[in-house]
C-alpha atoms as a PDB file:
ATOM      1  CA  MET A   1     -16.415 -17.479  -7.888  1.00  0.00           C
ATOM      2  CA  ARG A   2     -15.454 -19.106 -10.926  1.00  0.00           C
ATOM      3  CA  VAL A   3     -11.765 -20.171 -11.052  1.00  0.00           C
ATOM      4  CA  VAL A   4      -9.269 -21.352 -13.665  1.00  0.00           C
ATOM      5  CA  ARG A   5      -6.226 -23.119 -13.226  1.00  0.00           C
ATOM      6  CA  THR A   6      -3.234 -22.866 -15.821  1.00  0.00           C
ATOM      7  CA  PRO A   7      -2.241 -26.491 -17.022  1.00  0.00           C
ATOM      8  CA  ASP A   8       0.846 -27.604 -15.703  1.00  0.00           C
ATOM      9  CA  GLU A   9       2.222 -28.303 -19.281  1.00  0.00           C
ATOM     10  CA  ARG A  10       2.163 -24.886 -19.474  1.00  0.00           C
ATOM     11  CA  PHE A  11       5.098 -24.516 -17.434  1.00  0.00           C
ATOM     12  CA  GLU A  12       7.484 -27.302 -18.701  1.00  0.00           C
ATOM     13  CA  GLY A  13      10.812 -26.476 -19.931  1.00  0.00           C
ATOM     14  CA  LEU A  14      10.732 -22.745 -18.861  1.00  0.00           C
ATOM     15  CA  THR A  15      14.027 -21.101 -19.265  1.00  0.00           C
ATOM     16  CA  GLY A  16      16.038 -20.608 -15.967  1.00  0.00           C
ATOM     17  CA  TYR A  17      13.122 -21.992 -13.784  1.00  0.00           C
ATOM     18  CA  PRO A  18      13.933 -25.535 -12.574  1.00  0.00           C
ATOM     19  CA  PHE A  19      12.108 -25.056  -9.243  1.00  0.00           C
ATOM     20  CA  THR A  20       9.848 -27.611  -7.718  1.00  0.00           C
ATOM     21  CA  PRO A  21       6.177 -26.285  -7.321  1.00  0.00           C
ATOM     22  CA  HIS A  22       4.240 -26.597  -3.808  1.00  0.00           C
ATOM     23  CA  TYR A  23       0.664 -25.514  -3.024  1.00  0.00           C
ATOM     24  CA  ALA A  24      -1.143 -24.430  -0.413  1.00  0.00           C
ATOM     25  CA  GLU A  25      -5.211 -23.644  -0.043  1.00  0.00           C
ATOM     26  CA  VAL A  26      -6.693 -20.532   1.350  1.00  0.00           C
ATOM     27  CA  ALA A  27     -10.087 -19.563   1.773  1.00  0.00           C
ATOM     28  CA  ASP A  28     -11.626 -17.511  -1.105  1.00  0.00           C
ATOM     29  CA  GLY A  29     -13.741 -15.363   1.062  1.00  0.00           C
ATOM     30  CA  GLU A  30     -16.923 -16.794  -0.604  1.00  0.00           C
ATOM     31  CA  GLY A  31     -17.173 -20.109   1.083  1.00  0.00           C
ATOM     32  CA  GLY A  32     -14.773 -21.827  -0.982  1.00  0.00           C
ATOM     33  CA  THR A  33     -10.630 -22.267  -1.425  1.00  0.00           C
ATOM     34  CA  LEU A  34      -7.966 -21.026  -3.802  1.00  0.00           C
ATOM     35  CA  ARG A  35      -4.971 -23.035  -4.594  1.00  0.00           C
ATOM     36  CA  MET A  36      -1.708 -20.771  -4.302  1.00  0.00           C
ATOM     37  CA  HIS A  37       1.428 -21.839  -5.402  1.00  0.00           C
ATOM     38  CA  TYR A  38       4.722 -21.189  -3.915  1.00  0.00           C
ATOM     39  CA  LEU A  39       8.607 -22.015  -4.463  1.00  0.00           C
ATOM     40  CA  ASP A  40      10.529 -23.003  -1.264  1.00  0.00           C
ATOM     41  CA  GLU A  41      14.380 -23.437  -2.315  1.00  0.00           C
ATOM     42  CA  GLY A  42      17.398 -23.489  -0.270  1.00  0.00           C
ATOM     43  CA  PRO A  43      20.654 -25.684   0.173  1.00  0.00           C
ATOM     44  CA  ALA A  44      20.459 -28.969   1.654  1.00  0.00           C
ATOM     45  CA  GLY A  45      18.935 -28.927   5.324  1.00  0.00           C
ATOM     46  CA  THR A  46      18.026 -25.059   4.655  1.00  0.00           C
ATOM     47  CA  ALA A  47      14.532 -25.190   3.019  1.00  0.00           C
ATOM     48  CA  ALA A  48      13.062 -26.473   5.945  1.00  0.00           C
ATOM     49  CA  PRO A  49      10.074 -25.359   7.853  1.00  0.00           C
ATOM     50  CA  ASP A  50      11.705 -23.606  10.659  1.00  0.00           C
ATOM     51  CA  ALA A  51      14.629 -21.810   8.484  1.00  0.00           C
ATOM     52  CA  PRO A  52      14.392 -18.137   8.381  1.00  0.00           C
ATOM     53  CA  PRO A  53      12.956 -17.426   4.888  1.00  0.00           C
ATOM     54  CA  VAL A  54      13.426 -14.792   2.528  1.00  0.00           C
ATOM     55  CA  LEU A  55      10.024 -13.899   1.134  1.00  0.00           C
ATOM     56  CA  LEU A  56      10.015 -12.819  -2.358  1.00  0.00           C
ATOM     57  CA  LEU A  57       7.006 -10.928  -3.365  1.00  0.00           C
ATOM     58  CA  HIS A  58       6.399 -10.409  -7.060  1.00  0.00           C
ATOM     59  CA  GLY A  59       3.917  -7.881  -8.484  1.00  0.00           C
ATOM     60  CA  GLU A  60       1.864  -7.054 -11.653  1.00  0.00           C
ATOM     61  CA  PRO A  61       1.954  -8.822 -14.334  1.00  0.00           C
ATOM     62  CA  SER A  62       4.659 -11.115 -13.273  1.00  0.00           C
ATOM     63  CA  TRP A  63       4.887 -14.212 -11.201  1.00  0.00           C
ATOM     64  CA  SER A  64       7.630 -16.070  -9.192  1.00  0.00           C
ATOM     65  CA  PHE A  65       9.587 -16.571 -12.584  1.00  0.00           C
ATOM     66  CA  LEU A  66      10.910 -12.879 -11.889  1.00  0.00           C
ATOM     67  CA  TYR A  67      13.091 -14.240  -9.074  1.00  0.00           C
ATOM     68  CA  ARG A  68      14.601 -16.996 -11.012  1.00  0.00           C
ATOM     69  CA  HIS A  69      17.887 -14.951 -11.291  1.00  0.00           C
ATOM     70  CA  MET A  70      18.193 -14.253  -7.596  1.00  0.00           C
ATOM     71  CA  ILE A  71      17.031 -17.509  -5.941  1.00  0.00           C
ATOM     72  CA  PRO A  72      20.256 -19.302  -6.832  1.00  0.00           C
ATOM     73  CA  VAL A  73      22.469 -16.350  -5.455  1.00  0.00           C
ATOM     74  CA  LEU A  74      20.255 -16.520  -2.119  1.00  0.00           C
ATOM     75  CA  THR A  75      20.334 -20.249  -1.799  1.00  0.00           C
ATOM     76  CA  ALA A  76      24.087 -20.236  -2.509  1.00  0.00           C
ATOM     77  CA  ALA A  77      24.608 -17.748   0.525  1.00  0.00           C
ATOM     78  CA  GLY A  78      22.673 -20.037   2.791  1.00  0.00           C
ATOM     79  CA  HIS A  79      19.158 -18.993   2.916  1.00  0.00           C
ATOM     80  CA  ARG A  80      15.779 -20.535   2.336  1.00  0.00           C
ATOM     81  CA  CYS A  81      13.678 -18.612  -0.593  1.00  0.00           C
ATOM     82  CA  VAL A  82       9.856 -18.551  -0.510  1.00  0.00           C
ATOM     83  CA  ALA A  83       8.445 -17.144  -3.533  1.00  0.00           C
ATOM     84  CA  PRO A  84       4.666 -17.542  -3.999  1.00  0.00           C
ATOM     85  CA  ASP A  85       2.385 -16.660  -6.814  1.00  0.00           C
ATOM     86  CA  LEU A  86      -0.242 -14.040  -6.064  1.00  0.00           C
ATOM     87  CA  VAL A  87      -3.953 -15.441  -6.730  1.00  0.00           C
ATOM     88  CA  GLY A  88      -4.424 -14.597 -10.506  1.00  0.00           C
ATOM     89  CA  PHE A  89      -0.638 -15.126 -11.469  1.00  0.00           C
ATOM     90  CA  GLY A  90       1.497 -17.658 -11.917  1.00  0.00           C
ATOM     91  CA  ARG A  91       0.536 -21.400 -11.192  1.00  0.00           C
ATOM     92  CA  SER A  92      -1.749 -19.878  -8.625  1.00  0.00           C
ATOM     93  CA  ASP A  93      -5.463 -20.201  -9.183  1.00  0.00           C
ATOM     94  CA  LYS A  94      -7.295 -17.512 -11.351  1.00  0.00           C
ATOM     95  CA  PRO A  95     -10.774 -16.099 -10.391  1.00  0.00           C
ATOM     96  CA  THR A  96     -12.281 -14.928 -13.923  1.00  0.00           C
ATOM     97  CA  GLU A  97     -13.994 -11.946 -13.030  1.00  0.00           C
ATOM     98  CA  VAL A  98     -12.227  -8.679 -12.538  1.00  0.00           C
ATOM     99  CA  SER A  99     -14.517  -8.068  -9.528  1.00  0.00           C
ATOM    100  CA  ASP A 100     -13.135 -10.829  -7.760  1.00  0.00           C
ATOM    101  CA  TYR A 101     -10.162  -8.961  -7.070  1.00  0.00           C
ATOM    102  CA  THR A 102      -9.826  -6.411  -4.284  1.00  0.00           C
ATOM    103  CA  PHE A 103      -6.892  -4.903  -2.783  1.00  0.00           C
ATOM    104  CA  ALA A 104      -8.050  -6.542   0.458  1.00  0.00           C
ATOM    105  CA  ARG A 105      -8.862  -9.959  -0.658  1.00  0.00           C
ATOM    106  CA  GLN A 106      -5.171 -10.092  -2.168  1.00  0.00           C
ATOM    107  CA  VAL A 107      -3.916  -9.014   1.267  1.00  0.00           C
ATOM    108  CA  ALA A 108      -5.861 -11.547   2.760  1.00  0.00           C
ATOM    109  CA  TRP A 109      -5.238 -14.646   0.687  1.00  0.00           C
ATOM    110  CA  THR A 110      -1.422 -13.708   1.079  1.00  0.00           C
ATOM    111  CA  THR A 111      -1.673 -13.331   4.891  1.00  0.00           C
ATOM    112  CA  GLU A 112      -3.208 -16.640   4.899  1.00  0.00           C
ATOM    113  CA  LEU A 113      -0.470 -18.182   3.326  1.00  0.00           C
ATOM    114  CA  VAL A 114       2.291 -16.675   5.005  1.00  0.00           C
ATOM    115  CA  CYS A 115       1.201 -16.805   8.425  1.00  0.00           C
ATOM    116  CA  SER A 116      -1.208 -19.626   8.938  1.00  0.00           C
ATOM    117  CA  ARG A 117      -0.296 -22.170   6.063  1.00  0.00           C
ATOM    118  CA  LEU A 118       3.496 -21.746   5.842  1.00  0.00           C
ATOM    119  CA  ASP A 119       3.534 -20.143   9.502  1.00  0.00           C
ATOM    120  CA  LEU A 120       6.592 -17.931   8.270  1.00  0.00           C
ATOM    121  CA  ASP A 121       8.516 -16.176  11.127  1.00  0.00           C
ATOM    122  CA  ARG A 122      12.210 -14.319  11.071  1.00  0.00           C
ATOM    123  CA  ILE A 123      11.183 -13.272   7.723  1.00  0.00           C
ATOM    124  CA  THR A 124      13.176 -11.069   5.576  1.00  0.00           C
ATOM    125  CA  LEU A 125      10.696  -9.523   3.029  1.00  0.00           C
ATOM    126  CA  VAL A 126      11.840  -8.553  -0.606  1.00  0.00           C
ATOM    127  CA  CYS A 127       9.073  -6.780  -2.345  1.00  0.00           C
ATOM    128  CA  GLN A 128       8.482  -5.220  -5.702  1.00  0.00           C
ATOM    129  CA  ASP A 129       5.589  -3.497  -7.393  1.00  0.00           C
ATOM    130  CA  TRP A 130       2.241  -5.198  -5.785  1.00  0.00           C
ATOM    131  CA  GLY A 131       4.436  -7.437  -4.106  1.00  0.00           C
ATOM    132  CA  GLY A 132       5.248  -4.268  -1.764  1.00  0.00           C
ATOM    133  CA  LEU A 133       1.730  -3.049  -1.668  1.00  0.00           C
ATOM    134  CA  ILE A 134       0.333  -6.442  -0.575  1.00  0.00           C
ATOM    135  CA  GLY A 135       3.307  -7.580   1.358  1.00  0.00           C
ATOM    136  CA  LEU A 136       3.662  -4.195   3.575  1.00  0.00           C
ATOM    137  CA  ARG A 137       0.341  -4.758   4.503  1.00  0.00           C
ATOM    138  CA  VAL A 138       0.822  -8.246   5.663  1.00  0.00           C
ATOM    139  CA  LEU A 139       3.660  -7.055   7.724  1.00  0.00           C
ATOM    140  CA  ALA A 140       1.297  -4.675   9.332  1.00  0.00           C
ATOM    141  CA  GLU A 141      -0.967  -7.440  10.044  1.00  0.00           C
ATOM    142  CA  ALA A 142       2.010  -9.326  11.910  1.00  0.00           C
ATOM    143  CA  PRO A 143       4.797  -7.123  12.256  1.00  0.00           C
ATOM    144  CA  GLU A 144       6.457  -9.694  15.014  1.00  0.00           C
ATOM    145  CA  ARG A 145       6.894 -12.130  12.090  1.00  0.00           C
ATOM    146  CA  PHE A 146       9.298  -9.899  10.295  1.00  0.00           C
ATOM    147  CA  ALA A 147      13.260  -9.457  11.074  1.00  0.00           C
ATOM    148  CA  ARG A 148      13.974  -6.999   8.030  1.00  0.00           C
ATOM    149  CA  VAL A 149      12.616  -5.495   5.061  1.00  0.00           C
ATOM    150  CA  VAL A 150      13.993  -4.655   1.124  1.00  0.00           C
ATOM    151  CA  VAL A 151      11.808  -2.590  -0.654  1.00  0.00           C
ATOM    152  CA  ALA A 152      12.441  -2.158  -4.205  1.00  0.00           C
ATOM    153  CA  ASN A 153      10.367  -0.026  -6.911  1.00  0.00           C
ATOM    154  CA  THR A 154       7.307  -0.014  -4.705  1.00  0.00           C
ATOM    155  CA  GLY A 155       5.092   1.870  -2.621  1.00  0.00           C
ATOM    156  CA  LEU A 156       1.878   1.759  -0.252  1.00  0.00           C
ATOM    157  CA  PRO A 157      -0.159   4.702  -1.397  1.00  0.00           C
ATOM    158  CA  THR A 158      -3.237   5.752   0.406  1.00  0.00           C
ATOM    159  CA  GLY A 159      -4.859   7.531  -2.495  1.00  0.00           C
ATOM    160  CA  ASP A 160      -3.756  11.234  -0.947  1.00  0.00           C
ATOM    161  CA  GLN A 161      -0.961  11.584  -3.253  1.00  0.00           C
ATOM    162  CA  TYR A 162      -0.953  12.411  -7.067  1.00  0.00           C
ATOM    163  CA  MET A 163       0.321   8.889  -8.693  1.00  0.00           C
ATOM    164  CA  GLY A 164       1.579  10.769 -11.771  1.00  0.00           C
ATOM    165  CA  LYS A 165       0.625  10.597 -15.645  1.00  0.00           C
ATOM    166  CA  ALA A 166       2.578   7.427 -16.462  1.00  0.00           C
ATOM    167  CA  PHE A 167       0.858   5.487 -13.921  1.00  0.00           C
ATOM    168  CA  LEU A 168      -2.903   6.693 -14.555  1.00  0.00           C
ATOM    169  CA  ALA A 169      -2.248   5.875 -18.174  1.00  0.00           C
ATOM    170  CA  TRP A 170      -1.053   2.482 -17.049  1.00  0.00           C
ATOM    171  CA  GLN A 171      -4.220   1.876 -15.313  1.00  0.00           C
ATOM    172  CA  THR A 172      -6.669   3.068 -18.287  1.00  0.00           C
ATOM    173  CA  PHE A 173      -4.344   0.738 -20.446  1.00  0.00           C
ATOM    174  CA  ALA A 174      -4.819  -2.397 -18.181  1.00  0.00           C
ATOM    175  CA  ARG A 175      -8.525  -1.917 -17.798  1.00  0.00           C
ATOM    176  CA  GLU A 176      -9.537  -0.982 -21.404  1.00  0.00           C
ATOM    177  CA  THR A 177      -6.841  -2.665 -24.163  1.00  0.00           C
ATOM    178  CA  PRO A 178      -8.543  -5.377 -26.062  1.00  0.00           C
ATOM    179  CA  SER A 179      -5.212  -7.438 -26.013  1.00  0.00           C
ATOM    180  CA  LEU A 180      -3.413  -7.467 -22.630  1.00  0.00           C
ATOM    181  CA  ASP A 181       0.043  -8.889 -23.972  1.00  0.00           C
ATOM    182  CA  ILE A 182       1.673  -9.887 -20.613  1.00  0.00           C
ATOM    183  CA  GLY A 183       5.153 -10.774 -21.889  1.00  0.00           C
ATOM    184  CA  TRP A 184       5.368  -7.285 -24.116  1.00  0.00           C
ATOM    185  CA  ILE A 185       4.263  -5.345 -20.665  1.00  0.00           C
ATOM    186  CA  VAL A 186       7.086  -6.983 -18.720  1.00  0.00           C
ATOM    187  CA  ASN A 187       9.427  -6.591 -21.552  1.00  0.00           C
ATOM    188  CA  GLY A 188       8.682  -2.968 -21.575  1.00  0.00           C
ATOM    189  CA  GLY A 189       9.514  -2.379 -17.747  1.00  0.00           C
ATOM    190  CA  CYS A 190      12.963  -3.564 -18.216  1.00  0.00           C
ATOM    191  CA  THR A 191      15.912  -1.808 -19.497  1.00  0.00           C
ATOM    192  CA  THR A 192      17.174  -4.763 -21.073  1.00  0.00           C
ATOM    193  CA  ASP A 193      15.354  -6.412 -24.240  1.00  0.00           C
ATOM    194  CA  LEU A 194      14.098  -9.966 -23.337  1.00  0.00           C
ATOM    195  CA  ALA A 195      14.863 -13.272 -25.224  1.00  0.00           C
ATOM    196  CA  PRO A 196      11.713 -14.846 -26.759  1.00  0.00           C
ATOM    197  CA  GLU A 197      11.743 -17.639 -24.523  1.00  0.00           C
ATOM    198  CA  VAL A 198      11.676 -15.390 -21.473  1.00  0.00           C
ATOM    199  CA  VAL A 199       8.871 -13.173 -22.852  1.00  0.00           C
ATOM    200  CA  ALA A 200       7.313 -16.982 -23.038  1.00  0.00           C
ATOM    201  CA  GLY A 201       7.875 -17.339 -19.752  1.00  0.00           C
ATOM    202  CA  TYR A 202       6.021 -14.470 -18.456  1.00  0.00           C
ATOM    203  CA  ASP A 203       2.954 -15.452 -20.989  1.00  0.00           C
ATOM    204  CA  ALA A 204       3.182 -19.151 -19.676  1.00  0.00           C
ATOM    205  CA  PRO A 205       0.511 -18.529 -16.882  1.00  0.00           C
ATOM    206  CA  PHE A 206      -2.168 -16.946 -19.323  1.00  0.00           C
ATOM    207  CA  PRO A 207      -3.342 -19.300 -21.974  1.00  0.00           C
ATOM    208  CA  ASP A 208      -6.026 -16.944 -22.974  1.00  0.00           C
ATOM    209  CA  ASP A 209      -7.886 -13.735 -21.900  1.00  0.00           C
ATOM    210  CA  SER A 210     -10.064 -15.608 -19.695  1.00  0.00           C
ATOM    211  CA  TYR A 211      -6.812 -16.102 -17.238  1.00  0.00           C
ATOM    212  CA  LYS A 212      -6.083 -12.540 -17.126  1.00  0.00           C
ATOM    213  CA  ALA A 213      -8.756 -10.768 -14.806  1.00  0.00           C
ATOM    214  CA  GLY A 214      -6.301 -10.329 -12.005  1.00  0.00           C
ATOM    215  CA  ALA A 215      -3.734  -8.943 -14.468  1.00  0.00           C
ATOM    216  CA  ARG A 216      -6.512  -6.513 -15.817  1.00  0.00           C
ATOM    217  CA  ALA A 217      -7.901  -6.010 -12.326  1.00  0.00           C
ATOM    218  CA  MET A 218      -4.749  -4.803 -10.246  1.00  0.00           C
ATOM    219  CA  PRO A 219      -3.436  -1.598 -11.893  1.00  0.00           C
ATOM    220  CA  SER A 220      -6.988  -0.210 -10.669  1.00  0.00           C
ATOM    221  CA  LEU A 221      -6.893  -1.461  -7.297  1.00  0.00           C
ATOM    222  CA  VAL A 222      -3.917   0.997  -6.497  1.00  0.00           C
ATOM    223  CA  PRO A 223      -5.464   3.636  -4.492  1.00  0.00           C
ATOM    224  CA  THR A 224      -5.584   7.219  -6.186  1.00  0.00           C
ATOM    225  CA  SER A 225      -7.973   8.988  -4.421  1.00  0.00           C
ATOM    226  CA  PRO A 226      -8.898   9.278  -0.531  1.00  0.00           C
ATOM    227  CA  ASP A 227     -12.170   7.534  -0.870  1.00  0.00           C
ATOM    228  CA  ASP A 228     -10.477   4.578  -2.474  1.00  0.00           C
ATOM    229  CA  PRO A 229     -11.588   1.399  -0.286  1.00  0.00           C
ATOM    230  CA  ALA A 230      -8.106   0.700   0.495  1.00  0.00           C
ATOM    231  CA  HIS A 231      -7.368   4.213   1.889  1.00  0.00           C
ATOM    232  CA  ASP A 232      -8.225   3.616   5.646  1.00  0.00           C
ATOM    233  CA  ASP A 233      -6.289   0.060   5.703  1.00  0.00           C
ATOM    234  CA  ASN A 234      -3.156   1.853   3.884  1.00  0.00           C
ATOM    235  CA  VAL A 235      -3.030   4.642   6.355  1.00  0.00           C
ATOM    236  CA  ALA A 236      -3.424   1.862   9.288  1.00  0.00           C
ATOM    237  CA  ALA A 237      -0.595  -0.004   7.939  1.00  0.00           C
ATOM    238  CA  TRP A 238       1.515   3.285   7.743  1.00  0.00           C
ATOM    239  CA  GLU A 239       0.948   3.733  11.452  1.00  0.00           C
ATOM    240  CA  VAL A 240       2.762   0.482  11.740  1.00  0.00           C
ATOM    241  CA  LEU A 241       5.303   1.100   9.864  1.00  0.00           C
ATOM    242  CA  SER A 242       6.255   4.460  11.305  1.00  0.00           C
ATOM    243  CA  ARG A 243       6.805   2.464  14.733  1.00  0.00           C
ATOM    244  CA  PHE A 244       8.569  -0.582  12.655  1.00  0.00           C
ATOM    245  CA  ASP A 245      12.403  -0.375  14.180  1.00  0.00           C
ATOM    246  CA  ARG A 246      13.801  -3.447  12.533  1.00  0.00           C
ATOM    247  CA  PRO A 247      16.221  -3.069   9.617  1.00  0.00           C
ATOM    248  CA  PHE A 248      14.463  -1.751   6.180  1.00  0.00           C
ATOM    249  CA  LEU A 249      16.811  -1.068   3.306  1.00  0.00           C
ATOM    250  CA  CYS A 250      15.482   0.797  -0.082  1.00  0.00           C
ATOM    251  CA  ALA A 251      16.912  -0.973  -3.054  1.00  0.00           C
ATOM    252  CA  PHE A 252      15.247   1.013  -5.930  1.00  0.00           C
ATOM    253  CA  SER A 253      16.759   1.278  -9.545  1.00  0.00           C
ATOM    254  CA  ASP A 254      17.475   4.298 -11.231  1.00  0.00           C
ATOM    255  CA  SER A 255      15.489   3.710 -14.614  1.00  0.00           C
ATOM    256  CA  ASP A 256      11.844   3.186 -13.268  1.00  0.00           C
ATOM    257  CA  PRO A 257       9.789   5.826 -14.153  1.00  0.00           C
ATOM    258  CA  ILE A 258       6.792   4.929 -12.232  1.00  0.00           C
ATOM    259  CA  THR A 259       8.546   4.282  -8.917  1.00  0.00           C
ATOM    260  CA  SER A 260      11.417   7.104  -8.976  1.00  0.00           C
ATOM    261  CA  GLY A 261      11.753   8.739  -5.848  1.00  0.00           C
ATOM    262  CA  GLY A 262       9.147   6.520  -3.870  1.00  0.00           C
ATOM    263  CA  ASP A 263      12.080   5.468  -1.665  1.00  0.00           C
ATOM    264  CA  ALA A 264      11.971   8.927   0.068  1.00  0.00           C
ATOM    265  CA  VAL A 265       8.795   8.315   2.175  1.00  0.00           C
ATOM    266  CA  PHE A 266      10.197   4.769   3.488  1.00  0.00           C
ATOM    267  CA  ARG A 267      13.647   6.673   4.318  1.00  0.00           C
ATOM    268  CA  SER A 268      11.880   9.480   6.088  1.00  0.00           C
ATOM    269  CA  SER A 269       8.819   7.522   7.698  1.00  0.00           C
ATOM    270  CA  VAL A 270      10.171   3.963   8.939  1.00  0.00           C
ATOM    271  CA  PRO A 271      12.224   4.097  11.890  1.00  0.00           C
ATOM    272  CA  GLY A 272      14.210   1.087  10.505  1.00  0.00           C
ATOM    273  CA  ALA A 273      15.452   2.628   7.659  1.00  0.00           C
ATOM    274  CA  ALA A 274      17.191   5.396   9.754  1.00  0.00           C
ATOM    275  CA  GLY A 275      21.163   4.711   9.551  1.00  0.00           C
ATOM    276  CA  VAL A 276      20.714   2.327   6.840  1.00  0.00           C
ATOM    277  CA  GLU A 277      23.114   2.594   3.611  1.00  0.00           C
ATOM    278  CA  HIS A 278      20.271   2.314   0.976  1.00  0.00           C
ATOM    279  CA  VAL A 279      21.191   1.062  -2.539  1.00  0.00           C
ATOM    280  CA  THR A 280      20.249   2.203  -5.695  1.00  0.00           C
ATOM    281  CA  ILE A 281      20.531  -0.351  -8.518  1.00  0.00           C
ATOM    282  CA  ALA A 282      21.967   1.266 -11.742  1.00  0.00           C
ATOM    283  CA  GLY A 283      20.792  -0.020 -15.053  1.00  0.00           C
ATOM    284  CA  GLY A 284      17.565  -1.320 -13.846  1.00  0.00           C
ATOM    285  CA  GLY A 285      13.956  -0.732 -15.137  1.00  0.00           C
ATOM    286  CA  HIS A 286      10.715  -1.231 -13.037  1.00  0.00           C
ATOM    287  CA  PHE A 287      11.311  -5.006 -12.981  1.00  0.00           C
ATOM    288  CA  LEU A 288      14.813  -4.902 -11.845  1.00  0.00           C
ATOM    289  CA  GLN A 289      14.724  -8.482 -10.634  1.00  0.00           C
ATOM    290  CA  GLU A 290      14.861  -9.407 -14.537  1.00  0.00           C
ATOM    291  CA  ASP A 291      17.575  -6.651 -15.398  1.00  0.00           C
ATOM    292  CA  ARG A 292      19.923  -6.616 -12.381  1.00  0.00           C
ATOM    293  CA  GLY A 293      18.491  -9.844 -10.543  1.00  0.00           C
ATOM    294  CA  PRO A 294      22.048 -11.378  -9.349  1.00  0.00           C
ATOM    295  CA  GLU A 295      23.086  -7.739  -8.009  1.00  0.00           C
ATOM    296  CA  LEU A 296      19.936  -7.226  -6.448  1.00  0.00           C
ATOM    297  CA  ALA A 297      20.161 -10.941  -4.557  1.00  0.00           C
ATOM    298  CA  ARG A 298      23.646 -10.062  -3.378  1.00  0.00           C
ATOM    299  CA  VAL A 299      22.432  -6.595  -1.774  1.00  0.00           C
ATOM    300  CA  VAL A 300      19.628  -8.708  -0.097  1.00  0.00           C
ATOM    301  CA  ALA A 301      22.336 -11.379   1.014  1.00  0.00           C
ATOM    302  CA  ASP A 302      24.764  -8.351   2.421  1.00  0.00           C
ATOM    303  CA  PHE A 303      22.159  -6.642   4.201  1.00  0.00           C
ATOM    304  CA  ILE A 304      20.938 -10.044   6.163  1.00  0.00           C
ATOM    305  CA  ALA A 305      24.723 -10.484   6.878  1.00  0.00           C
ATOM    306  CA  ALA A 306      24.856  -6.959   8.228  1.00  0.00           C
ATOM    307  CA  THR A 307      21.923  -7.077  10.471  1.00  0.00           C
ATOM    308  CA  SER A 308      21.749 -10.857  11.842  1.00  0.00           C
END
């Protein structure tokens, strides 16, 4: 497996992102290792190995930069925030072949980071986009480690459902476009028009196309038919979720054409979602952390306080 690592200078002086990098090694599945980056932030005495963490998982093609508006709100409320970069994104290592990326590998890499390298427990999972597809599979691997869940603009498709024309078009675009403009893609998924320095923050991990194999691969790894390689594992994860009775909050936005209505299956299928006052974030696009980050962070903090 050939791997590239974004030079550190690409991350210097990013707007609103003053956080200290942390790294851990995970097995790459081929006898080597990959370096994964994560943030570990909290008020004095809180960002400690035994503090209950808020695990913030990003999706495609963003990275932990997406959570820069939320982390200060959550740490001010007394919470430890752990925000990894998925393999292929942010400051994490980036295998250079599209074929290096599979749904199962992303789950394995993230599970090893969360459960083995960081040994997180009493987790509040906050997940959006691929952060949910991967994060909910990690939860299914070790449900005892999770105290509560907040899902936002995400899902866990098995391939048995029609994903819609907009998503299928996105799969084709990511796979076939000659130029995958990451900052432009994130901007297009927001209701707000991002400032040039913010767009630059999303472009920072990707100096050229050789760093973008993960970004190209991930949309096509979403199951869209029952014969998808991830079908059986996702069905098994839903079986775990159908028994998950710890607090489970849906906080979808009102302006995301891709995941609109996706909260319904969580509300009806996850026992922990019953009796919870679910939230719709007004004015948020697909990347609602960018559009309404502080508001979503307050929703998370209030949910933790109400269910602790």
